[in-house]
Protein backbone atom coordinates (compact mmCIF):
# COMPACT_ATOMS: atom_id res chain seq x y z
CA MET A 1 -12.36 -18.69 -38.52
CA ASN A 2 -13.70 -20.10 -35.23
CA ALA A 3 -12.35 -19.28 -31.78
CA ASN A 4 -9.83 -22.11 -31.73
CA ALA A 5 -8.96 -22.17 -35.42
CA SER A 6 -5.33 -22.25 -36.51
CA THR A 7 -3.69 -19.36 -38.25
CA ALA A 8 -2.48 -19.65 -41.83
CA THR A 9 0.85 -21.06 -40.58
CA GLY A 10 -0.93 -23.54 -38.33
CA ALA A 11 1.51 -22.76 -35.49
CA THR A 12 -0.55 -20.48 -33.27
CA LYS A 13 -4.00 -20.98 -31.74
CA HIS A 14 -5.97 -18.30 -29.96
CA GLN A 15 -9.26 -17.82 -28.22
CA ARG A 16 -11.61 -14.97 -28.92
CA LEU A 17 -11.83 -12.15 -26.43
CA VAL A 18 -15.43 -12.04 -25.29
CA LEU A 19 -17.07 -10.65 -22.18
CA ASP A 20 -18.75 -12.91 -19.63
CA GLU A 21 -22.42 -11.96 -20.02
CA GLN A 22 -23.41 -13.92 -16.89
CA ALA A 23 -20.96 -11.92 -14.77
CA ILE A 24 -22.28 -8.68 -16.26
CA GLY A 25 -25.82 -9.70 -15.35
CA ALA A 26 -24.74 -10.62 -11.82
CA ALA A 27 -23.11 -7.18 -11.46
CA ALA A 28 -26.53 -5.61 -11.99
CA ARG A 29 -27.77 -7.30 -8.80
CA SER A 30 -26.61 -6.97 -5.16
CA LEU A 31 -26.33 -3.21 -5.36
CA ASP A 32 -25.49 -2.93 -1.66
CA GLU A 33 -22.04 -4.35 -2.50
CA GLY A 34 -20.99 -1.12 -4.26
CA ALA A 35 -17.89 -1.60 -6.39
CA VAL A 36 -17.43 -5.27 -5.41
CA THR A 37 -19.13 -7.38 -8.06
CA PRO A 38 -19.65 -11.16 -7.73
CA SER A 39 -16.68 -11.82 -10.01
CA TYR A 40 -14.32 -10.09 -7.54
CA GLY A 41 -13.48 -13.54 -6.27
CA PRO A 42 -12.91 -15.13 -2.89
CA TRP A 43 -10.02 -12.86 -1.87
CA ARG A 44 -11.86 -9.85 -0.45
CA ASP A 45 -11.31 -10.79 3.20
CA ASP A 46 -7.62 -11.44 2.55
CA VAL A 47 -7.21 -8.15 0.67
CA LEU A 48 -9.01 -6.29 3.47
CA LYS A 49 -6.67 -7.80 6.08
CA LEU A 50 -3.61 -6.87 4.01
CA LEU A 51 -4.95 -3.33 3.62
CA ASN A 52 -5.80 -2.92 7.31
CA ASP A 53 -2.29 -4.07 8.23
CA ALA A 54 -0.87 -1.58 5.70
CA LEU A 55 -3.10 1.11 7.22
CA ALA A 56 -1.69 0.36 10.66
CA THR A 57 1.85 0.53 9.27
CA GLU A 58 1.22 3.90 7.64
CA LEU A 59 -0.32 5.32 10.83
CA VAL A 60 2.62 4.13 12.96
CA CYS A 61 4.96 5.70 10.40
CA VAL A 62 3.08 9.01 10.66
CA LEU A 63 3.48 8.96 14.44
CA ARG A 64 7.18 8.04 14.27
CA TYR A 65 7.94 10.75 11.68
CA LYS A 66 5.97 13.35 13.67
CA ARG A 67 7.86 12.51 16.85
CA HIS A 68 11.15 12.77 15.01
CA TYR A 69 10.09 16.05 13.42
CA PHE A 70 9.37 17.63 16.79
CA THR A 71 12.35 16.17 18.66
CA ALA A 72 15.19 16.31 16.09
CA ASN A 73 18.04 18.60 17.04
CA GLY A 74 21.61 19.16 15.97
CA VAL A 75 23.45 21.02 13.20
CA SER A 76 21.77 19.11 10.35
CA SER A 77 18.44 18.73 12.09
CA PRO A 78 16.37 21.64 10.67
CA LYS A 79 16.57 20.38 7.07
CA ILE A 80 16.13 16.71 8.01
CA ALA A 81 13.34 17.51 10.46
CA GLU A 82 11.55 19.37 7.67
CA GLU A 83 11.77 16.22 5.55
CA PHE A 84 10.46 14.13 8.45
CA LEU A 85 7.34 16.32 8.38
CA VAL A 86 7.02 15.96 4.60
CA HIS A 87 7.28 12.17 4.97
CA ALA A 88 4.74 12.18 7.81
CA ASN A 89 2.25 14.03 5.61
CA GLN A 90 2.86 11.65 2.70
CA GLU A 91 2.39 8.63 4.96
CA SER A 92 -0.85 10.19 6.21
CA ALA A 93 -2.04 10.55 2.60
CA HIS A 94 -1.17 6.87 2.03
CA ALA A 95 -3.24 5.93 5.08
CA ASP A 96 -6.17 7.95 3.74
CA ARG A 97 -5.99 6.21 0.34
CA ILE A 98 -5.82 2.79 1.97
CA ALA A 99 -8.75 3.54 4.29
CA GLU A 100 -10.81 4.76 1.35
CA ARG A 101 -10.06 1.56 -0.58
CA ILE A 102 -11.01 -0.58 2.42
CA VAL A 103 -14.40 1.15 2.49
CA GLN A 104 -14.82 0.72 -1.29
CA LEU A 105 -14.29 -3.01 -0.79
CA GLY A 106 -17.01 -3.11 1.85
CA GLY A 107 -14.66 -3.30 4.82
CA GLU A 108 -14.04 -1.13 7.83
CA PRO A 109 -10.71 0.63 8.27
CA ASP A 110 -9.27 -0.19 11.69
CA PHE A 111 -7.94 3.01 13.25
CA ALA A 112 -8.10 1.65 16.82
CA PRO A 113 -4.94 2.88 18.60
CA THR A 114 -4.78 -0.28 20.71
CA HIS A 115 -4.36 -2.41 17.58
CA LEU A 116 -1.90 -0.32 15.57
CA LEU A 117 1.41 -1.70 16.84
CA ASP A 118 0.13 -5.28 16.74
CA ARG A 119 -0.81 -4.99 13.05
CA SER A 120 1.95 -2.65 11.86
CA HIS A 121 4.88 -4.09 9.95
CA ALA A 122 7.06 -1.18 11.09
CA SER A 123 7.99 -0.16 14.62
CA TYR A 124 7.54 3.06 16.51
CA ASP A 125 10.80 4.70 17.52
CA GLU A 126 11.71 7.09 20.34
CA SER A 127 15.30 7.82 19.31
CA THR A 128 16.73 11.13 20.47
CA GLU A 129 19.84 11.24 18.27
CA LEU A 130 19.38 12.43 14.67
CA GLN A 131 21.27 9.61 12.95
CA ALA A 132 19.35 7.02 15.00
CA MET A 133 16.11 8.67 13.83
CA VAL A 134 17.24 8.54 10.22
CA ARG A 135 18.28 4.90 10.62
CA ALA A 136 14.97 3.93 12.28
CA ASN A 137 13.00 5.60 9.50
CA LEU A 138 15.14 3.96 6.82
CA VAL A 139 14.52 0.55 8.39
CA ALA A 140 10.77 1.27 8.43
CA GLU A 141 10.79 2.43 4.80
CA ARG A 142 12.69 -0.67 3.70
CA ILE A 143 10.14 -2.82 5.54
CA ALA A 144 7.34 -0.90 3.80
CA VAL A 145 8.99 -1.41 0.41
CA GLU A 146 9.23 -5.15 1.01
CA THR A 147 5.69 -5.54 2.35
CA TYR A 148 4.18 -3.51 -0.51
CA ARG A 149 6.12 -5.56 -3.06
CA GLN A 150 4.80 -8.75 -1.48
CA MET A 151 1.25 -7.40 -1.35
CA ILE A 152 1.41 -6.39 -5.01
CA ALA A 153 2.62 -9.87 -5.97
CA LEU A 154 -0.07 -11.56 -3.84
CA ILE A 155 -2.88 -9.42 -5.21
CA GLY A 156 -1.67 -9.62 -8.81
CA ASP A 157 -4.63 -9.47 -11.17
CA LYS A 158 -7.16 -10.35 -8.44
CA ASP A 159 -7.79 -6.64 -7.74
CA PRO A 160 -6.16 -4.31 -10.28
CA THR A 161 -7.40 -1.14 -8.56
CA THR A 162 -5.84 -2.05 -5.23
CA ARG A 163 -2.67 -3.23 -6.97
CA ARG A 164 -2.27 0.12 -8.79
CA MET A 165 -2.82 2.03 -5.55
CA LEU A 166 -0.18 -0.08 -3.81
CA GLU A 167 2.22 0.42 -6.72
CA ASP A 168 1.81 4.20 -6.36
CA ILE A 169 2.45 4.01 -2.63
CA LEU A 170 5.44 1.71 -3.19
CA SER A 171 6.98 4.32 -5.48
CA ASP A 172 6.75 6.93 -2.69
CA GLU A 173 8.22 4.52 -0.13
CA GLU A 174 11.17 3.77 -2.41
CA GLU A 175 11.78 7.50 -2.79
CA HIS A 176 11.67 7.93 0.99
CA ALA A 177 14.18 5.10 1.47
CA ASP A 178 16.57 6.67 -1.06
CA GLU A 179 16.36 10.06 0.68
CA LEU A 180 16.96 8.54 4.09
CA LYS A 181 19.93 6.54 2.82
CA ASP A 182 21.44 9.81 1.56
CA TRP A 183 21.00 11.40 5.01
CA LEU A 184 22.93 8.70 6.81
CA GLY A 185 26.25 10.24 7.84
CA HIS A 186 25.09 13.88 7.56
């Protein structure tokens, strides 16, 4: 049966699954490109920009959570402040993963403090009241959830490794948002 032959019922056609030998040969060249082979496609610059903006967002979130950790006070504050620190550390781990992926794609992670707020999707917050802190962090987590969902949809099958990383991070951000929602009113 050839690649486009009909099945016995004649209703379904299919193509054979074969590897692109030319792309495999091209991958053996341009070794200075590391993991990015020629078949990566034209989206690398776009993916790098998305990732650097996500990096800025994660770093701003680390700073916001750290500030809230150190300045939270009130009856419920010790437990919530502890969670602010946990979230800060998780956001820092997200930033590390994103920076590592940027480097794998041949880019440079932008940690410049002067650029963080301009590129971040989330805001920094200097609230002094515990519920305002919780609310500000919930807003930031909801923004992160939305931006990661959009990034995942945009990247699709163009870069499965980056997509899976973003899906993992999205899962954490959704968990953070649920926790923060539960803290509202405490």
